[in-house]
Amino acid sequence: MLVLGRKKGESIIIDDQIEITINSVEGETVKLGIEAPRHITIHRKEVYLEIQEENKKAMSNVIDISDFLKMKK
C-alpha cells in the first residue's frame, strides 16, 4: 500500500486517467473529489463489497434450463 500525505486542494493522479483531490478535512472525515472517465466505476468499499455479495448470491440461484422447463409443465 502506498501512503501519501496531502493537504486540502492537493491531488494525486492514477494512471494518467484518475485524479483524486482532497476537498476538505473536518475532524476525522476527509472529503475527496474524484475525476475519472465514465467507463470506470467508483464505489465506497462497503458498497462494493455488498455488490460482490449480491452477485455471489445471484450466481448461486442459477438453475439449469431443463429444470426450468420441467417446472413450467
PDB file of N, CA and C in Angstrom:
ATOM      1  N   MET A   1       0.846  -1.176   0.000  1.00  0.00           N
ATOM      2  CA  MET A   1       0.000   0.000   0.000  1.00  0.00           C
ATOM      3  C   MET A   1       0.891   1.239   0.000  1.00  0.00           C
ATOM      4  N   LEU A   2       0.586   2.157  -0.875  1.00  0.00           N
ATOM      5  CA  LEU A   2       1.273   3.438  -0.922  1.00  0.00           C
ATOM      6  C   LEU A   2       0.512   4.414  -0.028  1.00  0.00           C
ATOM      7  N   VAL A   3       1.193   5.069   0.871  1.00  0.00           N
ATOM      8  CA  VAL A   3       0.568   6.050   1.758  1.00  0.00           C
ATOM      9  C   VAL A   3       1.159   7.414   1.438  1.00  0.00           C
ATOM     10  N   LEU A   4       0.284   8.370   1.121  1.00  0.00           N
ATOM     11  CA  LEU A   4       0.715   9.726   0.770  1.00  0.00           C
ATOM     12  C   LEU A   4       0.087  10.739   1.706  1.00  0.00           C
ATOM     13  N   GLY A   5       0.812  11.781   2.006  1.00  0.00           N
ATOM     14  CA  GLY A   5       0.252  12.901   2.755  1.00  0.00           C
ATOM     15  C   GLY A   5      -0.170  13.983   1.776  1.00  0.00           C
ATOM     16  N   ARG A   6      -1.380  14.489   1.885  1.00  0.00           N
ATOM     17  CA  ARG A   6      -1.893  15.541   1.010  1.00  0.00           C
ATOM     18  C   ARG A   6      -2.622  16.561   1.863  1.00  0.00           C
ATOM     19  N   LYS A   7      -2.609  17.798   1.431  1.00  0.00           N
ATOM     20  CA  LYS A   7      -3.336  18.873   2.107  1.00  0.00           C
ATOM     21  C   LYS A   7      -4.554  19.244   1.270  1.00  0.00           C
ATOM     22  N   LYS A   8      -5.464  20.000   1.881  1.00  0.00           N
ATOM     23  CA  LYS A   8      -6.655  20.463   1.179  1.00  0.00           C
ATOM     24  C   LYS A   8      -6.246  21.127  -0.134  1.00  0.00           C
ATOM     25  N   GLY A   9      -6.928  20.723  -1.208  1.00  0.00           N
ATOM     26  CA  GLY A   9      -6.659  21.286  -2.525  1.00  0.00           C
ATOM     27  C   GLY A   9      -5.600  20.537  -3.325  1.00  0.00           C
ATOM     28  N   GLU A  10      -4.856  19.653  -2.669  1.00  0.00           N
ATOM     29  CA  GLU A  10      -3.831  18.896  -3.376  1.00  0.00           C
ATOM     30  C   GLU A  10      -4.446  17.611  -3.955  1.00  0.00           C
ATOM     31  N   SER A  11      -3.772  17.073  -4.968  1.00  0.00           N
ATOM     32  CA  SER A  11      -4.306  15.915  -5.686  1.00  0.00           C
ATOM     33  C   SER A  11      -3.258  14.838  -5.860  1.00  0.00           C
ATOM     34  N   ILE A  12      -3.749  13.670  -6.272  1.00  0.00           N
ATOM     35  CA  ILE A  12      -2.878  12.617  -6.784  1.00  0.00           C
ATOM     36  C   ILE A  12      -3.478  12.175  -8.122  1.00  0.00           C
ATOM     37  N   ILE A  13      -2.630  11.676  -9.002  1.00  0.00           N
ATOM     38  CA  ILE A  13      -3.058  11.192 -10.310  1.00  0.00           C
ATOM     39  C   ILE A  13      -2.747   9.700 -10.386  1.00  0.00           C
ATOM     40  N   ILE A  14      -3.710   8.925 -10.876  1.00  0.00           N
ATOM     41  CA  ILE A  14      -3.537   7.486 -11.033  1.00  0.00           C
ATOM     42  C   ILE A  14      -3.659   7.148 -12.515  1.00  0.00           C
ATOM     43  N   ASP A  15      -2.622   6.552 -13.049  1.00  0.00           N
ATOM     44  CA  ASP A  15      -2.615   6.034 -14.420  1.00  0.00           C
ATOM     45  C   ASP A  15      -3.038   7.067 -15.466  1.00  0.00           C
ATOM     46  N   ASP A  16      -2.671   8.303 -15.301  1.00  0.00           N
ATOM     47  CA  ASP A  16      -2.989   9.386 -16.252  1.00  0.00           C
ATOM     48  C   ASP A  16      -4.482   9.568 -16.506  1.00  0.00           C
ATOM     49  N   GLN A  17      -5.339   8.895 -15.736  1.00  0.00           N
ATOM     50  CA  GLN A  17      -6.777   8.957 -16.002  1.00  0.00           C
ATOM     51  C   GLN A  17      -7.609   9.401 -14.813  1.00  0.00           C
ATOM     52  N   ILE A  18      -7.135   9.136 -13.618  1.00  0.00           N
ATOM     53  CA  ILE A  18      -7.938   9.381 -12.416  1.00  0.00           C
ATOM     54  C   ILE A  18      -7.230  10.417 -11.556  1.00  0.00           C
ATOM     55  N   GLU A  19      -7.972  11.453 -11.187  1.00  0.00           N
ATOM     56  CA  GLU A  19      -7.431  12.470 -10.283  1.00  0.00           C
ATOM     57  C   GLU A  19      -8.257  12.475  -9.007  1.00  0.00           C
ATOM     58  N   ILE A  20      -7.575  12.338  -7.890  1.00  0.00           N
ATOM     59  CA  ILE A  20      -8.230  12.376  -6.581  1.00  0.00           C
ATOM     60  C   ILE A  20      -7.735  13.630  -5.869  1.00  0.00           C
ATOM     61  N   THR A  21      -8.674  14.491  -5.491  1.00  0.00           N
ATOM     62  CA  THR A  21      -8.354  15.761  -4.862  1.00  0.00           C
ATOM     63  C   THR A  21      -8.917  15.787  -3.449  1.00  0.00           C
ATOM     64  N   ILE A  22      -8.142  16.302  -2.507  1.00  0.00           N
ATOM     65  CA  ILE A  22      -8.633  16.499  -1.140  1.00  0.00           C
ATOM     66  C   ILE A  22      -9.462  17.781  -1.152  1.00  0.00           C
ATOM     67  N   ASN A  23     -10.777  17.652  -0.937  1.00  0.00           N
ATOM     68  CA  ASN A  23     -11.660  18.820  -0.930  1.00  0.00           C
ATOM     69  C   ASN A  23     -11.730  19.486   0.436  1.00  0.00           C
ATOM     70  N   SER A  24     -11.793  18.667   1.490  1.00  0.00           N
ATOM     71  CA  SER A  24     -11.840  19.237   2.832  1.00  0.00           C
ATOM     72  C   SER A  24     -11.471  18.175   3.859  1.00  0.00           C
ATOM     73  N   VAL A  25     -11.066  18.661   5.013  1.00  0.00           N
ATOM     74  CA  VAL A  25     -10.778  17.794   6.160  1.00  0.00           C
ATOM     75  C   VAL A  25     -11.521  18.385   7.343  1.00  0.00           C
ATOM     76  N   GLU A  26     -12.448  17.594   7.915  1.00  0.00           N
ATOM     77  CA  GLU A  26     -13.253  18.054   9.052  1.00  0.00           C
ATOM     78  C   GLU A  26     -13.170  16.994  10.137  1.00  0.00           C
ATOM     79  N   GLY A  27     -12.375  17.222  11.158  1.00  0.00           N
ATOM     80  CA  GLY A  27     -12.178  16.217  12.195  1.00  0.00           C
ATOM     81  C   GLY A  27     -11.519  14.991  11.598  1.00  0.00           C
ATOM     82  N   GLU A  28     -12.182  13.836  11.726  1.00  0.00           N
ATOM     83  CA  GLU A  28     -11.638  12.598  11.171  1.00  0.00           C
ATOM     84  C   GLU A  28     -12.194  12.281   9.784  1.00  0.00           C
ATOM     85  N   THR A  29     -12.963  13.204   9.206  1.00  0.00           N
ATOM     86  CA  THR A  29     -13.570  12.983   7.895  1.00  0.00           C
ATOM     87  C   THR A  29     -12.812  13.751   6.822  1.00  0.00           C
ATOM     88  N   VAL A  30     -12.437  13.044   5.779  1.00  0.00           N
ATOM     89  CA  VAL A  30     -11.773  13.652   4.628  1.00  0.00           C
ATOM     90  C   VAL A  30     -12.734  13.545   3.452  1.00  0.00           C
ATOM     91  N   LYS A  31     -13.014  14.668   2.783  1.00  0.00           N
ATOM     92  CA  LYS A  31     -13.882  14.648   1.603  1.00  0.00           C
ATOM     93  C   LYS A  31     -12.994  14.676   0.368  1.00  0.00           C
ATOM     94  N   LEU A  32     -13.228  13.686  -0.506  1.00  0.00           N
ATOM     95  CA  LEU A  32     -12.433  13.529  -1.717  1.00  0.00           C
ATOM     96  C   LEU A  32     -13.258  13.882  -2.938  1.00  0.00           C
ATOM     97  N   GLY A  33     -12.609  14.483  -3.914  1.00  0.00           N
ATOM     98  CA  GLY A  33     -13.201  14.675  -5.229  1.00  0.00           C
ATOM     99  C   GLY A  33     -12.481  13.729  -6.177  1.00  0.00           C
ATOM    100  N   ILE A  34     -13.234  13.012  -6.997  1.00  0.00           N
ATOM    101  CA  ILE A  34     -12.634  12.029  -7.899  1.00  0.00           C
ATOM    102  C   ILE A  34     -13.076  12.336  -9.320  1.00  0.00           C
ATOM    103  N   GLU A  35     -12.101  12.546 -10.196  1.00  0.00           N
ATOM    104  CA  GLU A  35     -12.377  12.722 -11.615  1.00  0.00           C
ATOM    105  C   GLU A  35     -11.820  11.514 -12.342  1.00  0.00           C
ATOM    106  N   ALA A  36     -12.691  10.837 -13.099  1.00  0.00           N
ATOM    107  CA  ALA A  36     -12.290   9.640 -13.821  1.00  0.00           C
ATOM    108  C   ALA A  36     -13.158   9.503 -15.067  1.00  0.00           C
ATOM    109  N   PRO A  37     -12.677   8.777 -16.063  1.00  0.00           N
ATOM    110  CA  PRO A  37     -13.516   8.522 -17.236  1.00  0.00           C
ATOM    111  C   PRO A  37     -14.798   7.808 -16.836  1.00  0.00           C
ATOM    112  N   ARG A  38     -15.845   8.019 -17.602  1.00  0.00           N
ATOM    113  CA  ARG A  38     -17.159   7.452 -17.271  1.00  0.00           C
ATOM    114  C   ARG A  38     -17.160   5.929 -17.238  1.00  0.00           C
ATOM    115  N   HIS A  39     -16.273   5.282 -17.989  1.00  0.00           N
ATOM    116  CA  HIS A  39     -16.283   3.817 -18.016  1.00  0.00           C
ATOM    117  C   HIS A  39     -15.660   3.194 -16.768  1.00  0.00           C
ATOM    118  N   ILE A  40     -15.092   4.000 -15.903  1.00  0.00           N
ATOM    119  CA  ILE A  40     -14.511   3.499 -14.653  1.00  0.00           C
ATOM    120  C   ILE A  40     -15.540   3.654 -13.540  1.00  0.00           C
ATOM    121  N   THR A  41     -15.908   2.536 -12.910  1.00  0.00           N
ATOM    122  CA  THR A  41     -16.869   2.607 -11.814  1.00  0.00           C
ATOM    123  C   THR A  41     -16.140   2.923 -10.510  1.00  0.00           C
ATOM    124  N   ILE A  42     -16.792   3.725  -9.687  1.00  0.00           N
ATOM    125  CA  ILE A  42     -16.222   4.135  -8.402  1.00  0.00           C
ATOM    126  C   ILE A  42     -17.275   3.895  -7.329  1.00  0.00           C
ATOM    127  N   HIS A  43     -16.909   3.138  -6.304  1.00  0.00           N
ATOM    128  CA  HIS A  43     -17.819   2.839  -5.192  1.00  0.00           C
ATOM    129  C   HIS A  43     -17.071   2.998  -3.874  1.00  0.00           C
ATOM    130  N   ARG A  44     -17.811   3.349  -2.820  1.00  0.00           N
ATOM    131  CA  ARG A  44     -17.246   3.205  -1.484  1.00  0.00           C
ATOM    132  C   ARG A  44     -17.023   1.714  -1.260  1.00  0.00           C
ATOM    133  N   LYS A  45     -16.008   1.356  -0.487  1.00  0.00           N
ATOM    134  CA  LYS A  45     -15.666  -0.061  -0.328  1.00  0.00           C
ATOM    135  C   LYS A  45     -16.831  -0.873   0.221  1.00  0.00           C
ATOM    136  N   GLU A  46     -17.559  -0.345   1.199  1.00  0.00           N
ATOM    137  CA  GLU A  46     -18.656  -1.123   1.781  1.00  0.00           C
ATOM    138  C   GLU A  46     -19.752  -1.387   0.750  1.00  0.00           C
ATOM    139  N   VAL A  47     -19.985  -0.449  -0.166  1.00  0.00           N
ATOM    140  CA  VAL A  47     -20.969  -0.664  -1.234  1.00  0.00           C
ATOM    141  C   VAL A  47     -20.437  -1.697  -2.220  1.00  0.00           C
ATOM    142  N   TYR A  48     -19.170  -1.597  -2.575  1.00  0.00           N
ATOM    143  CA  TYR A  48     -18.544  -2.557  -3.481  1.00  0.00           C
ATOM    144  C   TYR A  48     -18.654  -3.980  -2.930  1.00  0.00           C
ATOM    145  N   LEU A  49     -18.382  -4.154  -1.642  1.00  0.00           N
ATOM    146  CA  LEU A  49     -18.465  -5.476  -1.027  1.00  0.00           C
ATOM    147  C   LEU A  49     -19.902  -6.010  -1.037  1.00  0.00           C
ATOM    148  N   GLU A  50     -20.881  -5.141  -0.829  1.00  0.00           N
ATOM    149  CA  GLU A  50     -22.287  -5.555  -0.902  1.00  0.00           C
ATOM    150  C   GLU A  50     -22.650  -6.011  -2.315  1.00  0.00           C
ATOM    151  N   ILE A  51     -22.182  -5.280  -3.315  1.00  0.00           N
ATOM    152  CA  ILE A  51     -22.439  -5.645  -4.704  1.00  0.00           C
ATOM    153  C   ILE A  51     -21.842  -7.016  -4.991  1.00  0.00           C
ATOM    154  N   GLN A  52     -20.615  -7.243  -4.539  1.00  0.00           N
ATOM    155  CA  GLN A  52     -19.964  -8.536  -4.759  1.00  0.00           C
ATOM    156  C   GLN A  52     -20.752  -9.666  -4.094  1.00  0.00           C
ATOM    157  N   GLU A  53     -21.232  -9.425  -2.886  1.00  0.00           N
ATOM    158  CA  GLU A  53     -22.008 -10.446  -2.167  1.00  0.00           C
ATOM    159  C   GLU A  53     -23.315 -10.744  -2.891  1.00  0.00           C
ATOM    160  N   GLU A  54     -23.994  -9.706  -3.362  1.00  0.00           N
ATOM    161  CA  GLU A  54     -25.241  -9.905  -4.102  1.00  0.00           C
ATOM    162  C   GLU A  54     -24.992 -10.667  -5.398  1.00  0.00           C
ATOM    163  N   ASN A  55     -23.879 -10.380  -6.060  1.00  0.00           N
ATOM    164  CA  ASN A  55     -23.538 -11.108  -7.282  1.00  0.00           C
ATOM    165  C   ASN A  55     -23.305 -12.589  -6.990  1.00  0.00           C
ATOM    166  N   LYS A  56     -22.637 -12.884  -5.875  1.00  0.00           N
ATOM    167  CA  LYS A  56     -22.424 -14.284  -5.489  1.00  0.00           C
ATOM    168  C   LYS A  56     -23.751 -14.983  -5.231  1.00  0.00           C
ATOM    169  N   LYS A  57     -24.663 -14.302  -4.532  1.00  0.00           N
ATOM    170  CA  LYS A  57     -25.981 -14.883  -4.250  1.00  0.00           C
ATOM    171  C   LYS A  57     -26.751 -15.132  -5.534  1.00  0.00           C
ATOM    172  N   ALA A  58     -26.682 -14.185  -6.457  1.00  0.00           N
ATOM    173  CA  ALA A  58     -27.401 -14.333  -7.722  1.00  0.00           C
ATOM    174  C   ALA A  58     -26.861 -15.517  -8.512  1.00  0.00           C
ATOM    175  N   MET A  59     -25.561 -15.720  -8.489  1.00  0.00           N
ATOM    176  CA  MET A  59     -24.966 -16.842  -9.212  1.00  0.00           C
ATOM    177  C   MET A  59     -25.345 -18.179  -8.589  1.00  0.00           C
ATOM    178  N   SER A  60     -25.563 -18.207  -7.290  1.00  0.00           N
ATOM    179  CA  SER A  60     -25.940 -19.462  -6.640  1.00  0.00           C
ATOM    180  C   SER A  60     -27.391 -19.818  -6.910  1.00  0.00           C
ATOM    181  N   ASN A  61     -28.171 -18.870  -7.405  1.00  0.00           N
ATOM    182  CA  ASN A  61     -29.585 -19.115  -7.714  1.00  0.00           C
ATOM    183  C   ASN A  61     -29.816 -19.488  -9.169  1.00  0.00           C
ATOM    184  N   VAL A  62     -28.766 -19.701  -9.928  1.00  0.00           N
ATOM    185  CA  VAL A  62     -28.898 -20.065 -11.336  1.00  0.00           C
ATOM    186  C   VAL A  62     -29.404 -21.495 -11.440  1.00  0.00           C
ATOM    187  N   ILE A  63     -30.408 -21.692 -12.291  1.00  0.00           N
ATOM    188  CA  ILE A  63     -30.920 -23.051 -12.485  1.00  0.00           C
ATOM    189  C   ILE A  63     -30.681 -23.474 -13.936  1.00  0.00           C
ATOM    190  N   ASP A  64     -30.627 -24.749 -14.145  1.00  0.00           N
ATOM    191  CA  ASP A  64     -30.450 -25.321 -15.477  1.00  0.00           C
ATOM    192  C   ASP A  64     -31.728 -25.109 -16.277  1.00  0.00           C
ATOM    193  N   ILE A  65     -31.610 -24.802 -17.568  1.00  0.00           N
ATOM    194  CA  ILE A  65     -32.782 -24.537 -18.405  1.00  0.00           C
ATOM    195  C   ILE A  65     -33.722 -25.745 -18.470  1.00  0.00           C
ATOM    196  N   SER A  66     -33.173 -26.946 -18.452  1.00  0.00           N
ATOM    197  CA  SER A  66     -34.040 -28.141 -18.484  1.00  0.00           C
ATOM    198  C   SER A  66     -34.858 -28.237 -17.190  1.00  0.00           C
ATOM    199  N   ASP A  67     -34.271 -27.861 -16.062  1.00  0.00           N
ATOM    200  CA  ASP A  67     -35.026 -27.845 -14.804  1.00  0.00           C
ATOM    201  C   ASP A  67     -36.138 -26.802 -14.866  1.00  0.00           C
ATOM    202  N   PHE A  68     -35.849 -25.668 -15.476  1.00  0.00           N
ATOM    203  CA  PHE A  68     -36.849 -24.617 -15.613  1.00  0.00           C
ATOM    204  C   PHE A  68     -38.015 -25.099 -16.472  1.00  0.00           C
ATOM    205  N   LEU A  69     -37.712 -25.754 -17.566  1.00  0.00           N
ATOM    206  CA  LEU A  69     -38.769 -26.250 -18.446  1.00  0.00           C
ATOM    207  C   LEU A  69     -39.618 -27.302 -17.763  1.00  0.00           C
ATOM    208  N   LYS A  70     -39.001 -28.131 -16.899  1.00  0.00           N
ATOM    209  CA  LYS A  70     -39.762 -29.139 -16.152  1.00  0.00           C
ATOM    210  C   LYS A  70     -40.725 -28.474 -15.178  1.00  0.00           C
ATOM    211  N   MET A  71     -40.294 -27.383 -14.556  1.00  0.00           N
ATOM    212  CA  MET A  71     -41.157 -26.663 -13.607  1.00  0.00           C
ATOM    213  C   MET A  71     -42.347 -26.037 -14.328  1.00  0.00           C
ATOM    214  N   LYS A  72     -42.152 -25.640 -15.560  1.00  0.00           N
ATOM    215  CA  LYS A  72     -43.204 -24.959 -16.312  1.00  0.00           C
ATOM    216  C   LYS A  72     -44.340 -25.905 -16.691  1.00  0.00           C
ATOM    217  N   LYS A  73     -44.046 -27.222 -16.815  1.00  0.00           N
ATOM    218  CA  LYS A  73     -45.066 -28.201 -17.232  1.00  0.00           C
ATOM    219  C   LYS A  73     -46.057 -28.503 -16.159  1.00  0.00           C
TER     220      LYS A  73
END
